[in-house]
C-alpha atoms as a PDB file:
ATOM      1  CA  MET A   1     113.724 122.408  91.646  1.00  0.00           C
ATOM      2  CA  ASP A   2     113.542 118.885  90.360  1.00  0.00           C
ATOM      3  CA  LEU A   3     112.425 117.664  93.724  1.00  0.00           C
ATOM      4  CA  ALA A   4     109.667 120.408  94.007  1.00  0.00           C
ATOM      5  CA  ARG A   5     108.504 119.635  90.525  1.00  0.00           C
ATOM      6  CA  THR A   6     108.360 115.854  91.351  1.00  0.00           C
ATOM      7  CA  ILE A   7     106.386 116.545  94.475  1.00  0.00           C
ATOM      8  CA  VAL A   8     103.909 118.788  92.622  1.00  0.00           C
ATOM      9  CA  GLU A   9     103.490 116.124  89.856  1.00  0.00           C
ATOM     10  CA  ARG A  10     102.945 113.311  92.394  1.00  0.00           C
ATOM     11  CA  TYR A  11     100.430 115.557  94.254  1.00  0.00           C
ATOM     12  CA  ASP A  12      98.515 116.294  91.019  1.00  0.00           C
ATOM     13  CA  LYS A  13      98.537 112.593  90.045  1.00  0.00           C
ATOM     14  CA  TYR A  14      97.204 111.549  93.425  1.00  0.00           C
ATOM     15  CA  LYS A  15      94.646 114.312  93.338  1.00  0.00           C
ATOM     16  CA  ARG A  16      93.280 112.852  90.073  1.00  0.00           C
ATOM     17  CA  TYR A  17      93.399 109.430  91.698  1.00  0.00           C
ATOM     18  CA  TYR A  18      91.357 110.840  94.634  1.00  0.00           C
ATOM     19  CA  GLN A  19      88.558 112.014  92.243  1.00  0.00           C
ATOM     20  CA  ALA A  20      87.617 108.437  91.572  1.00  0.00           C
ATOM     21  CA  THR A  21      86.680 107.893  95.225  1.00  0.00           C
ATOM     22  CA  GLY A  22      83.406 109.765  94.943  1.00  0.00           C
ATOM     23  CA  LEU A  23      84.098 111.740  98.148  1.00  0.00           C
ATOM     24  CA  LYS A  24      82.616 115.189  98.201  1.00  0.00           C
ATOM     25  CA  ILE A  25      85.297 116.776 100.519  1.00  0.00           C
ATOM     26  CA  SER A  26      88.215 118.330  98.641  1.00  0.00           C
ATOM     27  CA  PHE A  27      91.591 116.552  98.607  1.00  0.00           C
ATOM     28  CA  PRO A  28      93.477 119.205 100.663  1.00  0.00           C
ATOM     29  CA  ALA A  29      90.607 119.265 103.239  1.00  0.00           C
ATOM     30  CA  PHE A  30      90.765 115.489 103.463  1.00  0.00           C
ATOM     31  CA  ILE A  31      94.477 115.499 104.132  1.00  0.00           C
ATOM     32  CA  ALA A  32      94.017 118.212 106.737  1.00  0.00           C
ATOM     33  CA  LEU A  33      91.219 116.229 108.473  1.00  0.00           C
ATOM     34  CA  MET A  34      93.242 113.043 108.672  1.00  0.00           C
ATOM     35  CA  ILE A  35      96.285 114.839 110.164  1.00  0.00           C
ATOM     36  CA  VAL A  36      94.015 116.402 112.819  1.00  0.00           C
ATOM     37  CA  VAL A  37      92.318 113.111 113.526  1.00  0.00           C
ATOM     38  CA  ALA A  38      95.821 111.441 113.818  1.00  0.00           C
ATOM     39  CA  ALA A  39      97.099 114.163 116.261  1.00  0.00           C
ATOM     40  CA  VAL A  40      93.947 113.848 118.487  1.00  0.00           C
ATOM     41  CA  ALA A  41      94.133 110.033 118.574  1.00  0.00           C
ATOM     42  CA  ALA A  42      97.899 110.072 119.331  1.00  0.00           C
ATOM     43  CA  VAL A  43      97.387 112.413 122.306  1.00  0.00           C
ATOM     44  CA  SER A  44      94.391 110.363 123.535  1.00  0.00           C
ATOM     45  CA  SER A  45      96.370 107.054 123.350  1.00  0.00           C
ATOM     46  CA  PHE A  46      99.215 108.635 125.275  1.00  0.00           C
ATOM     47  CA  GLY A  47      96.692 109.450 128.092  1.00  0.00           C
ATOM     48  CA  PHE A  48      94.933 106.072 127.873  1.00  0.00           C
ATOM     49  CA  ILE A  49      98.177 104.036 128.243  1.00  0.00           C
ATOM     50  CA  GLN A  50      98.728 105.670 131.715  1.00  0.00           C
ATOM     51  CA  PHE A  51      95.594 103.917 133.100  1.00  0.00           C
ATOM     52  CA  LEU A  52      96.898 100.402 132.320  1.00  0.00           C
ATOM     53  CA  PRO A  53      98.724  98.260 134.950  1.00  0.00           C
ATOM     54  CA  PRO A  54     102.344  99.509 135.346  1.00  0.00           C
ATOM     55  CA  HIS A  55     103.921  96.365 133.874  1.00  0.00           C
ATOM     56  CA  LEU A  56     101.652  96.692 130.781  1.00  0.00           C
ATOM     57  CA  GLN A  57     102.533 100.384 130.153  1.00  0.00           C
ATOM     58  CA  GLN A  58     104.346 100.518 126.827  1.00  0.00           C
ATOM     59  CA  ASN A  59     106.313 103.606 126.137  1.00  0.00           C
ATOM     60  CA  GLY A  60     103.619 106.228 125.642  1.00  0.00           C
ATOM     61  CA  SER A  61     105.447 108.226 122.940  1.00  0.00           C
ATOM     62  CA  LEU A  62     106.167 105.123 120.971  1.00  0.00           C
ATOM     63  CA  LEU A  63     102.478 104.155 120.866  1.00  0.00           C
ATOM     64  CA  ALA A  64     101.351 107.654 120.155  1.00  0.00           C
ATOM     65  CA  GLY A  65     103.874 107.849 117.268  1.00  0.00           C
ATOM     66  CA  ALA A  66     102.702 104.512 115.919  1.00  0.00           C
ATOM     67  CA  LEU A  67      99.082 105.542 116.084  1.00  0.00           C
ATOM     68  CA  PHE A  68      99.822 108.934 114.379  1.00  0.00           C
ATOM     69  CA  VAL A  69     101.666 107.258 111.504  1.00  0.00           C
ATOM     70  CA  ALA A  70      98.975 104.575 111.109  1.00  0.00           C
ATOM     71  CA  ILE A  71      96.230 107.108 110.752  1.00  0.00           C
ATOM     72  CA  VAL A  72      98.161 109.438 108.518  1.00  0.00           C
ATOM     73  CA  SER A  73      98.808 106.403 106.263  1.00  0.00           C
ATOM     74  CA  MET A  74      95.117 106.191 105.769  1.00  0.00           C
ATOM     75  CA  ILE A  75      95.415 109.347 103.593  1.00  0.00           C
ATOM     76  CA  PHE A  76      96.432 106.725 100.944  1.00  0.00           C
ATOM     77  CA  GLY A  77      94.518 103.732 102.409  1.00  0.00           C
ATOM     78  CA  ILE A  78      91.098 105.224 102.611  1.00  0.00           C
ATOM     79  CA  PRO A  79      90.990 106.697  99.021  1.00  0.00           C
ATOM     80  CA  MET A  80      92.417 103.481  97.700  1.00  0.00           C
ATOM     81  CA  THR A  81      89.719 101.433  99.371  1.00  0.00           C
ATOM     82  CA  LEU A  82      86.796 103.723  98.362  1.00  0.00           C
ATOM     83  CA  ARG A  83      88.250 103.948  94.810  1.00  0.00           C
ATOM     84  CA  ASN A  84      88.440 100.169  94.465  1.00  0.00           C
ATOM     85  CA  ASN A  85      84.981  99.732  95.901  1.00  0.00           C
ATOM     86  CA  ARG A  86      83.635 102.344  93.473  1.00  0.00           C
ATOM     87  CA  ILE A  87      85.339 100.620  90.599  1.00  0.00           C
ATOM     88  CA  ASP A  88      83.892  97.420  91.512  1.00  0.00           C
ATOM     89  CA  ALA A  89      80.354  98.988  91.679  1.00  0.00           C
ATOM     90  CA  ILE A  90      80.849 100.580  88.256  1.00  0.00           C
ATOM     91  CA  GLU A  91      82.135  97.425  86.545  1.00  0.00           C
ATOM     92  CA  SER A  92      79.387  95.251  88.130  1.00  0.00           C
ATOM     93  CA  ASN A  93      76.730  97.555  86.479  1.00  0.00           C
ATOM     94  CA  LEU A  94      78.587  98.096  83.223  1.00  0.00           C
ATOM     95  CA  PRO A  95      77.183  95.065  81.296  1.00  0.00           C
ATOM     96  CA  ASP A  96      73.572  95.982  82.215  1.00  0.00           C
ATOM     97  CA  ALA A  97      74.115  99.593  81.303  1.00  0.00           C
ATOM     98  CA  LEU A  98      75.546  98.711  77.954  1.00  0.00           C
ATOM     99  CA  LYS A  99      72.630  96.429  77.241  1.00  0.00           C
ATOM    100  CA  HIS A 100      70.302  99.185  78.185  1.00  0.00           C
ATOM    101  CA  MET A 101      72.023 101.743  75.867  1.00  0.00           C
ATOM    102  CA  ALA A 102      72.006  99.128  73.089  1.00  0.00           C
ATOM    103  CA  LEU A 103      68.165  98.707  73.460  1.00  0.00           C
ATOM    104  CA  VAL A 104      67.658 102.473  73.234  1.00  0.00           C
ATOM    105  CA  LEU A 105      69.824 102.727  70.166  1.00  0.00           C
ATOM    106  CA  LYS A 106      67.996  99.748  68.469  1.00  0.00           C
ATOM    107  CA  ALA A 107      64.675 101.485  69.237  1.00  0.00           C
ATOM    108  CA  GLY A 108      65.901 104.425  67.131  1.00  0.00           C
ATOM    109  CA  GLY A 109      67.244 106.632  69.962  1.00  0.00           C
ATOM    110  CA  THR A 110      70.324 108.861  69.651  1.00  0.00           C
ATOM    111  CA  THR A 111      73.554 108.454  71.629  1.00  0.00           C
ATOM    112  CA  GLU A 112      72.577 111.310  73.797  1.00  0.00           C
ATOM    113  CA  SER A 113      69.118 109.747  74.645  1.00  0.00           C
ATOM    114  CA  ALA A 114      70.734 106.382  75.302  1.00  0.00           C
ATOM    115  CA  LEU A 115      73.195 108.121  77.688  1.00  0.00           C
ATOM    116  CA  GLU A 116      70.345 109.954  79.415  1.00  0.00           C
ATOM    117  CA  GLU A 117      68.373 106.749  79.867  1.00  0.00           C
ATOM    118  CA  VAL A 118      71.337 105.067  81.608  1.00  0.00           C
ATOM    119  CA  ALA A 119      72.207 108.184  83.623  1.00  0.00           C
ATOM    120  CA  ASN A 120      68.706 108.367  84.963  1.00  0.00           C
ATOM    121  CA  ALA A 121      68.475 104.650  85.690  1.00  0.00           C
ATOM    122  CA  ASP A 122      69.570 103.084  88.994  1.00  0.00           C
ATOM    123  CA  TYR A 123      73.106 101.958  88.148  1.00  0.00           C
ATOM    124  CA  GLY A 124      74.712 103.418  91.211  1.00  0.00           C
ATOM    125  CA  ALA A 125      78.118 105.090  90.829  1.00  0.00           C
ATOM    126  CA  LEU A 126      78.017 104.430  87.037  1.00  0.00           C
ATOM    127  CA  SER A 127      74.818 106.542  86.704  1.00  0.00           C
ATOM    128  CA  GLU A 128      76.381 109.315  88.709  1.00  0.00           C
ATOM    129  CA  GLU A 129      79.430 109.468  86.386  1.00  0.00           C
ATOM    130  CA  LEU A 130      77.198 109.297  83.295  1.00  0.00           C
ATOM    131  CA  LYS A 131      75.100 112.284  84.532  1.00  0.00           C
ATOM    132  CA  VAL A 132      78.310 114.353  84.425  1.00  0.00           C
ATOM    133  CA  SER A 133      79.080 112.952  81.001  1.00  0.00           C
ATOM    134  CA  LEU A 134      75.604 113.883  79.792  1.00  0.00           C
ATOM    135  CA  LYS A 135      76.071 117.437  80.957  1.00  0.00           C
ATOM    136  CA  GLN A 136      79.360 117.719  79.079  1.00  0.00           C
ATOM    137  CA  LEU A 137      77.698 116.174  75.962  1.00  0.00           C
ATOM    138  CA  ARG A 138      74.984 118.844  76.066  1.00  0.00           C
ATOM    139  CA  GLU A 139      77.588 121.517  76.442  1.00  0.00           C
ATOM    140  CA  GLY A 140      78.951 120.521  73.019  1.00  0.00           C
ATOM    141  CA  LYS A 141      81.752 118.182  73.940  1.00  0.00           C
ATOM    142  CA  PRO A 142      82.188 115.246  71.351  1.00  0.00           C
ATOM    143  CA  PHE A 143      80.633 111.909  72.373  1.00  0.00           C
ATOM    144  CA  ASP A 144      83.939 110.067  71.986  1.00  0.00           C
ATOM    145  CA  ASP A 145      85.807 112.548  74.233  1.00  0.00           C
ATOM    146  CA  VAL A 146      82.999 112.346  76.794  1.00  0.00           C
ATOM    147  CA  LEU A 147      83.282 108.629  77.026  1.00  0.00           C
ATOM    148  CA  ARG A 148      87.094 108.621  77.223  1.00  0.00           C
ATOM    149  CA  ASP A 149      87.172 111.203  79.971  1.00  0.00           C
ATOM    150  CA  THR A 150      84.505 109.525  82.074  1.00  0.00           C
ATOM    151  CA  ALA A 151      86.258 106.165  81.894  1.00  0.00           C
ATOM    152  CA  SER A 152      89.572 107.839  82.796  1.00  0.00           C
ATOM    153  CA  ILE A 153      88.022 109.544  85.822  1.00  0.00           C
ATOM    154  CA  THR A 154      86.529 106.383  87.131  1.00  0.00           C
ATOM    155  CA  GLY A 155      89.867 104.476  87.016  1.00  0.00           C
ATOM    156  CA  SER A 156      88.125 101.331  85.805  1.00  0.00           C
ATOM    157  CA  LYS A 157      90.342  99.480  83.335  1.00  0.00           C
ATOM    158  CA  LEU A 158      87.324  97.499  82.057  1.00  0.00           C
ATOM    159  CA  PHE A 159      85.428 100.705  81.430  1.00  0.00           C
ATOM    160  CA  MET A 160      88.426 102.308  79.698  1.00  0.00           C
ATOM    161  CA  ARG A 161      88.840  99.221  77.356  1.00  0.00           C
ATOM    162  CA  THR A 162      85.109  99.258  76.684  1.00  0.00           C
ATOM    163  CA  THR A 163      85.035 102.926  75.717  1.00  0.00           C
ATOM    164  CA  GLY A 164      88.119 102.451  73.493  1.00  0.00           C
ATOM    165  CA  ILE A 165      86.317  99.606  71.625  1.00  0.00           C
ATOM    166  CA  ILE A 166      83.121 101.704  71.243  1.00  0.00           C
ATOM    167  CA  VAL A 167      84.991 104.724  69.930  1.00  0.00           C
ATOM    168  CA  ASP A 168      87.005 102.632  67.437  1.00  0.00           C
ATOM    169  CA  ALA A 169      83.722 100.976  66.329  1.00  0.00           C
ATOM    170  CA  ARG A 170      82.034 104.342  65.756  1.00  0.00           C
ATOM    171  CA  LYS A 171      84.990 105.478  63.685  1.00  0.00           C
ATOM    172  CA  ALA A 172      84.873 102.315  61.660  1.00  0.00           C
ATOM    173  CA  GLY A 173      81.110 102.808  60.917  1.00  0.00           C
ATOM    174  CA  ALA A 174      79.993  99.567  62.863  1.00  0.00           C
ATOM    175  CA  GLY A 175      76.548  99.356  64.326  1.00  0.00           C
ATOM    176  CA  LEU A 176      76.899 100.771  67.781  1.00  0.00           C
ATOM    177  CA  ALA A 177      73.984  98.793  69.289  1.00  0.00           C
ATOM    178  CA  ASP A 178      75.505  95.463  68.146  1.00  0.00           C
ATOM    179  CA  VAL A 179      78.958  96.452  69.451  1.00  0.00           C
ATOM    180  CA  MET A 180      77.561  97.347  72.841  1.00  0.00           C
ATOM    181  CA  ASN A 181      75.721  94.098  73.075  1.00  0.00           C
ATOM    182  CA  ALA A 182      78.805  92.131  72.294  1.00  0.00           C
ATOM    183  CA  ILE A 183      80.934  94.145  74.726  1.00  0.00           C
ATOM    184  CA  ALA A 184      78.348  93.647  77.388  1.00  0.00           C
ATOM    185  CA  GLU A 185      78.564  89.851  77.128  1.00  0.00           C
ATOM    186  CA  ASP A 186      82.329  89.948  77.244  1.00  0.00           C
ATOM    187  CA  ALA A 187      82.351  92.205  80.171  1.00  0.00           C
ATOM    188  CA  ARG A 188      79.964  89.966  81.965  1.00  0.00           C
ATOM    189  CA  ASP A 189      82.272  86.977  81.418  1.00  0.00           C
ATOM    190  CA  ILE A 190      85.364  88.891  82.703  1.00  0.00           C
ATOM    191  CA  LEU A 191      83.526  89.894  85.779  1.00  0.00           C
ATOM    192  CA  ARG A 192      82.322  86.309  86.393  1.00  0.00           C
ATOM    193  CA  ILE A 193      85.967  85.044  86.113  1.00  0.00           C
ATOM    194  CA  THR A 194      87.109  87.717  88.460  1.00  0.00           C
ATOM    195  CA  ARG A 195      84.444  86.943  91.054  1.00  0.00           C
ATOM    196  CA  GLU A 196      85.322  83.173  90.812  1.00  0.00           C
ATOM    197  CA  ARG A 197      89.015  83.899  91.367  1.00  0.00           C
ATOM    198  CA  LYS A 198      88.250  85.979  94.433  1.00  0.00           C
ATOM    199  CA  ALA A 199      85.857  83.314  95.700  1.00  0.00           C
ATOM    200  CA  ARG A 200      88.554  80.679  95.436  1.00  0.00           C
ATOM    201  CA  THR A 201      90.987  82.834  97.530  1.00  0.00           C
ATOM    202  CA  VAL A 202      88.609  83.670 100.329  1.00  0.00           C
ATOM    203  CA  MET A 203      89.716  80.940 102.713  1.00  0.00           C
ATOM    204  CA  HIS A 204      93.389  81.606 101.996  1.00  0.00           C
ATOM    205  CA  VAL A 205      92.985  85.288 102.776  1.00  0.00           C
ATOM    206  CA  ALA A 206      90.925  84.507 105.929  1.00  0.00           C
ATOM    207  CA  PHE A 207      93.541  82.144 107.154  1.00  0.00           C
ATOM    208  CA  LEU A 208      96.310  84.689 106.702  1.00  0.00           C
ATOM    209  CA  LEU A 209      94.330  87.433 108.360  1.00  0.00           C
ATOM    210  CA  ILE A 210      93.167  85.413 111.334  1.00  0.00           C
ATOM    211  CA  SER A 211      96.563  83.764 112.034  1.00  0.00           C
ATOM    212  CA  GLY A 212      98.872  86.663 111.103  1.00  0.00           C
ATOM    213  CA  ILE A 213      96.931  89.653 112.372  1.00  0.00           C
ATOM    214  CA  PHE A 214      94.881  88.324 115.301  1.00  0.00           C
ATOM    215  CA  LEU A 215      95.830  84.861 116.532  1.00  0.00           C
ATOM    216  CA  SER A 216      99.592  85.140 116.624  1.00  0.00           C
ATOM    217  CA  PRO A 217      99.808  88.517 118.430  1.00  0.00           C
ATOM    218  CA  PHE A 218      97.213  87.421 120.988  1.00  0.00           C
ATOM    219  CA  ILE A 219      99.172  84.174 121.756  1.00  0.00           C
ATOM    220  CA  PHE A 220     102.523  86.028 122.048  1.00  0.00           C
ATOM    221  CA  GLY A 221     100.996  88.715 124.302  1.00  0.00           C
ATOM    222  CA  PHE A 222      99.375  86.069 126.448  1.00  0.00           C
ATOM    223  CA  THR A 223     102.551  84.061 126.763  1.00  0.00           C
ATOM    224  CA  MET A 224     104.748  87.097 127.361  1.00  0.00           C
ATOM    225  CA  SER A 225     102.567  88.163 130.259  1.00  0.00           C
ATOM    226  CA  ILE A 226     102.966  84.736 131.872  1.00  0.00           C
ATOM    227  CA  VAL A 227     106.674  84.795 131.404  1.00  0.00           C
ATOM    228  CA  GLU A 228     106.832  88.158 133.076  1.00  0.00           C
ATOM    229  CA  PHE A 229     104.705  86.865 135.929  1.00  0.00           C
ATOM    230  CA  MET A 230     106.838  83.830 136.455  1.00  0.00           C
ATOM    231  CA  SER A 231     110.067  85.803 136.295  1.00  0.00           C
ATOM    232  CA  GLY A 232     108.763  88.275 138.786  1.00  0.00           C
ATOM    233  CA  GLY A 233     107.715  85.395 141.082  1.00  0.00           C
ATOM    234  CA  ILE A 234     111.103  83.754 140.945  1.00  0.00           C
ATOM    235  CA  ALA A 235     112.848  87.068 141.674  1.00  0.00           C
ATOM    236  CA  GLY A 236     110.427  87.901 144.460  1.00  0.00           C
ATOM    237  CA  SER A 237     111.015  84.558 146.248  1.00  0.00           C
ATOM    238  CA  GLY A 238     114.813  84.960 145.977  1.00  0.00           C
ATOM    239  CA  GLY A 239     115.100  82.315 143.280  1.00  0.00           C
ATOM    240  CA  PHE A 240     117.843  84.236 141.467  1.00  0.00           C
ATOM    241  CA  GLY A 241     119.941  84.474 144.702  1.00  0.00           C
ATOM    242  CA  GLU A 242     122.853  86.925 144.379  1.00  0.00           C
ATOM    243  CA  SER A 243     122.908  86.599 140.593  1.00  0.00           C
ATOM    244  CA  PRO A 244     123.694  89.678 138.472  1.00  0.00           C
ATOM    245  CA  LEU A 245     120.138  89.275 137.164  1.00  0.00           C
ATOM    246  CA  THR A 246     118.801  91.022 140.250  1.00  0.00           C
ATOM    247  CA  LYS A 247     121.150  93.980 140.118  1.00  0.00           C
ATOM    248  CA  ASN A 248     119.642  97.328 138.968  1.00  0.00           C
ATOM    249  CA  PHE A 249     120.954  99.105 135.942  1.00  0.00           C
ATOM    250  CA  THR A 250     119.916 102.340 134.190  1.00  0.00           C
ATOM    251  CA  LEU A 251     119.571 102.091 130.447  1.00  0.00           C
ATOM    252  CA  GLY A 252     121.966 104.832 129.348  1.00  0.00           C
ATOM    253  CA  ASP A 253     122.895 107.012 132.368  1.00  0.00           C
ATOM    254  CA  CYS A 254     126.386 105.490 132.870  1.00  0.00           C
ATOM    255  CA  SER A 255     127.261 107.708 135.855  1.00  0.00           C
ATOM    256  CA  GLN A 256     125.983 104.607 137.628  1.00  0.00           C
ATOM    257  CA  PRO A 257     125.750 101.004 136.547  1.00  0.00           C
ATOM    258  CA  CYS A 258     124.049 101.089 133.167  1.00  0.00           C
ATOM    259  CA  LEU A 259     122.818  98.378 130.702  1.00  0.00           C
ATOM    260  CA  LEU A 260     124.855  99.824 127.782  1.00  0.00           C
ATOM    261  CA  GLN A 261     128.050  98.979 129.708  1.00  0.00           C
ATOM    262  CA  GLN A 262     126.795  95.610 131.031  1.00  0.00           C
ATOM    263  CA  ASP A 263     125.403  94.380 127.668  1.00  0.00           C
ATOM    264  CA  ALA A 264     125.963  96.856 124.858  1.00  0.00           C
ATOM    265  CA  ILE A 265     123.966  94.848 122.257  1.00  0.00           C
ATOM    266  CA  MET A 266     120.894  94.487 124.466  1.00  0.00           C
ATOM    267  CA  GLY A 267     121.188  98.067 125.684  1.00  0.00           C
ATOM    268  CA  THR A 268     121.255  99.406 122.148  1.00  0.00           C
ATOM    269  CA  PHE A 269     118.348  97.118 121.084  1.00  0.00           C
ATOM    270  CA  VAL A 270     116.213  98.376 124.041  1.00  0.00           C
ATOM    271  CA  SER A 271     117.030 101.957 123.187  1.00  0.00           C
ATOM    272  CA  ILE A 272     115.172 101.545 119.908  1.00  0.00           C
ATOM    273  CA  GLY A 273     111.950 101.494 121.868  1.00  0.00           C
ATOM    274  CA  LEU A 274     112.443 105.135 122.977  1.00  0.00           C
ATOM    275  CA  THR A 275     112.912 104.178 126.664  1.00  0.00           C
ATOM    276  CA  PRO A 276     114.337 107.133 128.666  1.00  0.00           C
ATOM    277  CA  PRO A 277     118.053 106.583 129.384  1.00  0.00           C
ATOM    278  CA  GLU A 278     117.532 107.198 133.155  1.00  0.00           C
ATOM    279  CA  THR A 279     115.010 104.361 133.437  1.00  0.00           C
ATOM    280  CA  THR A 280     116.240 101.849 136.123  1.00  0.00           C
ATOM    281  CA  ARG A 281     115.427  98.118 136.103  1.00  0.00           C
ATOM    282  CA  SER A 282     117.047  94.847 137.273  1.00  0.00           C
ATOM    283  CA  LEU A 283     118.926  92.961 134.556  1.00  0.00           C
ATOM    284  CA  PHE A 284     116.264  90.188 134.275  1.00  0.00           C
ATOM    285  CA  GLU A 285     113.638  92.958 133.740  1.00  0.00           C
ATOM    286  CA  TRP A 286     115.709  94.494 130.978  1.00  0.00           C
ATOM    287  CA  ARG A 287     115.903  91.098 129.341  1.00  0.00           C
ATOM    288  CA  LEU A 288     112.094  90.840 129.421  1.00  0.00           C
ATOM    289  CA  VAL A 289     111.865  94.303 127.869  1.00  0.00           C
ATOM    290  CA  ALA A 290     114.289  93.131 125.090  1.00  0.00           C
ATOM    291  CA  MET A 291     112.156  90.017 124.533  1.00  0.00           C
ATOM    292  CA  ASP A 292     109.017  92.129 124.366  1.00  0.00           C
ATOM    293  CA  GLN A 293     110.575  94.363 121.798  1.00  0.00           C
ATOM    294  CA  LEU A 294     111.877  91.399 119.839  1.00  0.00           C
ATOM    295  CA  LEU A 295     108.380  89.886 119.676  1.00  0.00           C
ATOM    296  CA  ILE A 296     106.896  93.257 118.497  1.00  0.00           C
ATOM    297  CA  ILE A 297     109.532  93.488 115.679  1.00  0.00           C
ATOM    298  CA  PHE A 298     108.771  89.898 114.711  1.00  0.00           C
ATOM    299  CA  LEU A 299     104.984  90.674 114.594  1.00  0.00           C
ATOM    300  CA  ALA A 300     105.694  93.719 112.414  1.00  0.00           C
ATOM    301  CA  ALA A 301     107.658  91.638 109.974  1.00  0.00           C
ATOM    302  CA  GLN A 302     104.975  89.018 110.051  1.00  0.00           C
ATOM    303  CA  SER A 303     102.305  91.638 109.380  1.00  0.00           C
ATOM    304  CA  LEU A 304     104.133  92.950 106.460  1.00  0.00           C
ATOM    305  CA  VAL A 305     104.628  89.513 104.922  1.00  0.00           C
ATOM    306  CA  THR A 306     100.879  88.741 105.541  1.00  0.00           C
ATOM    307  CA  MET A 307      99.799  91.841 103.639  1.00  0.00           C
ATOM    308  CA  LEU A 308     102.252  91.103 100.753  1.00  0.00           C
ATOM    309  CA  ALA A 309     100.964  87.539 100.573  1.00  0.00           C
ATOM    310  CA  ILE A 310      97.336  88.685 100.593  1.00  0.00           C
ATOM    311  CA  GLY A 311      98.094  91.129  97.724  1.00  0.00           C
ATOM    312  CA  LEU A 312      99.787  88.359  95.781  1.00  0.00           C
ATOM    313  CA  ILE A 313      96.895  85.890  96.326  1.00  0.00           C
ATOM    314  CA  ARG A 314      94.060  88.312  95.873  1.00  0.00           C
ATOM    315  CA  GLU A 315      95.284  90.781  93.159  1.00  0.00           C
ATOM    316  CA  GLY A 316      98.466  89.139  91.782  1.00  0.00           C
ATOM    317  CA  LYS A 317     100.455  92.153  93.026  1.00  0.00           C
ATOM    318  CA  MET A 318     102.501  91.860  96.226  1.00  0.00           C
ATOM    319  CA  ALA A 319     102.566  95.634  96.963  1.00  0.00           C
ATOM    320  CA  LYS A 320      98.817  96.042  96.411  1.00  0.00           C
ATOM    321  CA  TYR A 321      97.925  96.003 100.180  1.00  0.00           C
ATOM    322  CA  ALA A 322     101.299  97.198 101.504  1.00  0.00           C
ATOM    323  CA  VAL A 323      99.838 100.645 102.034  1.00  0.00           C
ATOM    324  CA  TYR A 324      97.666  99.220 104.839  1.00  0.00           C
ATOM    325  CA  PHE A 325     100.775  97.921 106.824  1.00  0.00           C
ATOM    326  CA  PRO A 326     100.970 100.827 109.265  1.00  0.00           C
ATOM    327  CA  PHE A 327      97.276 100.516 110.217  1.00  0.00           C
ATOM    328  CA  VAL A 328      97.505  96.726 110.355  1.00  0.00           C
ATOM    329  CA  MET A 329     100.570  97.017 112.527  1.00  0.00           C
ATOM    330  CA  LEU A 330      98.562  99.169 114.908  1.00  0.00           C
ATOM    331  CA  ILE A 331      95.877  96.381 115.069  1.00  0.00           C
ATOM    332  CA  VAL A 332      98.541  93.887 115.759  1.00  0.00           C
ATOM    333  CA  LEU A 333      99.961  95.932 118.676  1.00  0.00           C
ATOM    334  CA  ALA A 334      96.458  96.318 120.123  1.00  0.00           C
ATOM    335  CA  VAL A 335      95.779  92.597 119.900  1.00  0.00           C
ATOM    336  CA  TYR A 336      99.241  91.913 121.480  1.00  0.00           C
ATOM    337  CA  LEU A 337      98.522  94.317 124.313  1.00  0.00           C
ATOM    338  CA  GLY A 338      95.050  92.737 124.663  1.00  0.00           C
ATOM    339  CA  GLY A 339      96.605  89.289 125.017  1.00  0.00           C
ATOM    340  CA  LYS A 340      98.866  90.483 127.750  1.00  0.00           C
ATOM    341  CA  LEU A 341      95.918  92.218 129.542  1.00  0.00           C
ATOM    342  CA  PHE A 342      93.755  89.126 129.308  1.00  0.00           C
ATOM    343  CA  SER A 343      96.492  86.932 130.608  1.00  0.00           C
ATOM    344  CA  THR A 344      96.953  89.482 133.542  1.00  0.00           C
ATOM    345  CA  PHE A 345      93.356  89.214 134.439  1.00  0.00           C
ATOM    346  CA  ILE A 346      93.491  85.431 134.498  1.00  0.00           C
ATOM    347  CA  ILE A 347      96.591  85.079 136.719  1.00  0.00           C
ATOM    348  CA  GLY A 348      95.353  87.912 138.887  1.00  0.00           C
ATOM    349  CA  THR A 349      98.299  90.461 138.673  1.00  0.00           C
END
């Protein structure tokens, strides 16, 4: 019961979080849509991988599973991105909207008329939210409650702090127009500081993204393909002689010589990649498979560290962008495979 209650509470909390994205599709429909897209993409990728050169064909089920998980993770990633973009749009227009309301109040207008002026003006997402607030105000909801609820729905901390100050100022009997003017100036200063901090970190973030997500996987894939080509050439010319490296082993079918008996550690490690137990390769080929998997694991760890570092640099919170890790890992795998494919075209295999 506690688990079910926790799940329901988390679902309701995330559903409220989803409301700040501005998407018109309902939350359950959005989840269903992403799952369907993930399933279709996974099946399509499984078919696509079969058209690649044999030595580039990764395990189809592993790739399909990774793609499915990556797209399903966007159930959290897409709303987070849209919500953050919407919050940025609201906060960037907030100082001008407050100035606008202050001018209406100074001209003798009421709070309702000031709210209507801003709602009908071109302040983007902020005007959309204030139109809903205006409707609630006309239905008889108190002005203070309307402001608080609107700020809470948007998810903007700056907007919530602003509404808190305005509500407290109204209760204290202060001039609302002067208060809004002062808050507008402070909000403008805060936004300027935030923009300057992000501008100073652009090069750091760009370096991490280019090197960690694109450059490293491509270089590793390119190099790995050359290593496979050279190893195959040496084996084909008899360079390994009668070495055990040329003997064939199944992965896990030990009714015949198998890798798990020859090298238990390497056999167990290769099994992580969901390779069928009856698959037969020579020992040097199994070592190449193990090296390939080791590089992929390294790239996964590097991708996670990259996203944590970007979160720390950009937002001051390491876990801020961790939700994008599955999708980023999918990009890394695609770039890695692209590097191998590019190398294959160059060396003509």
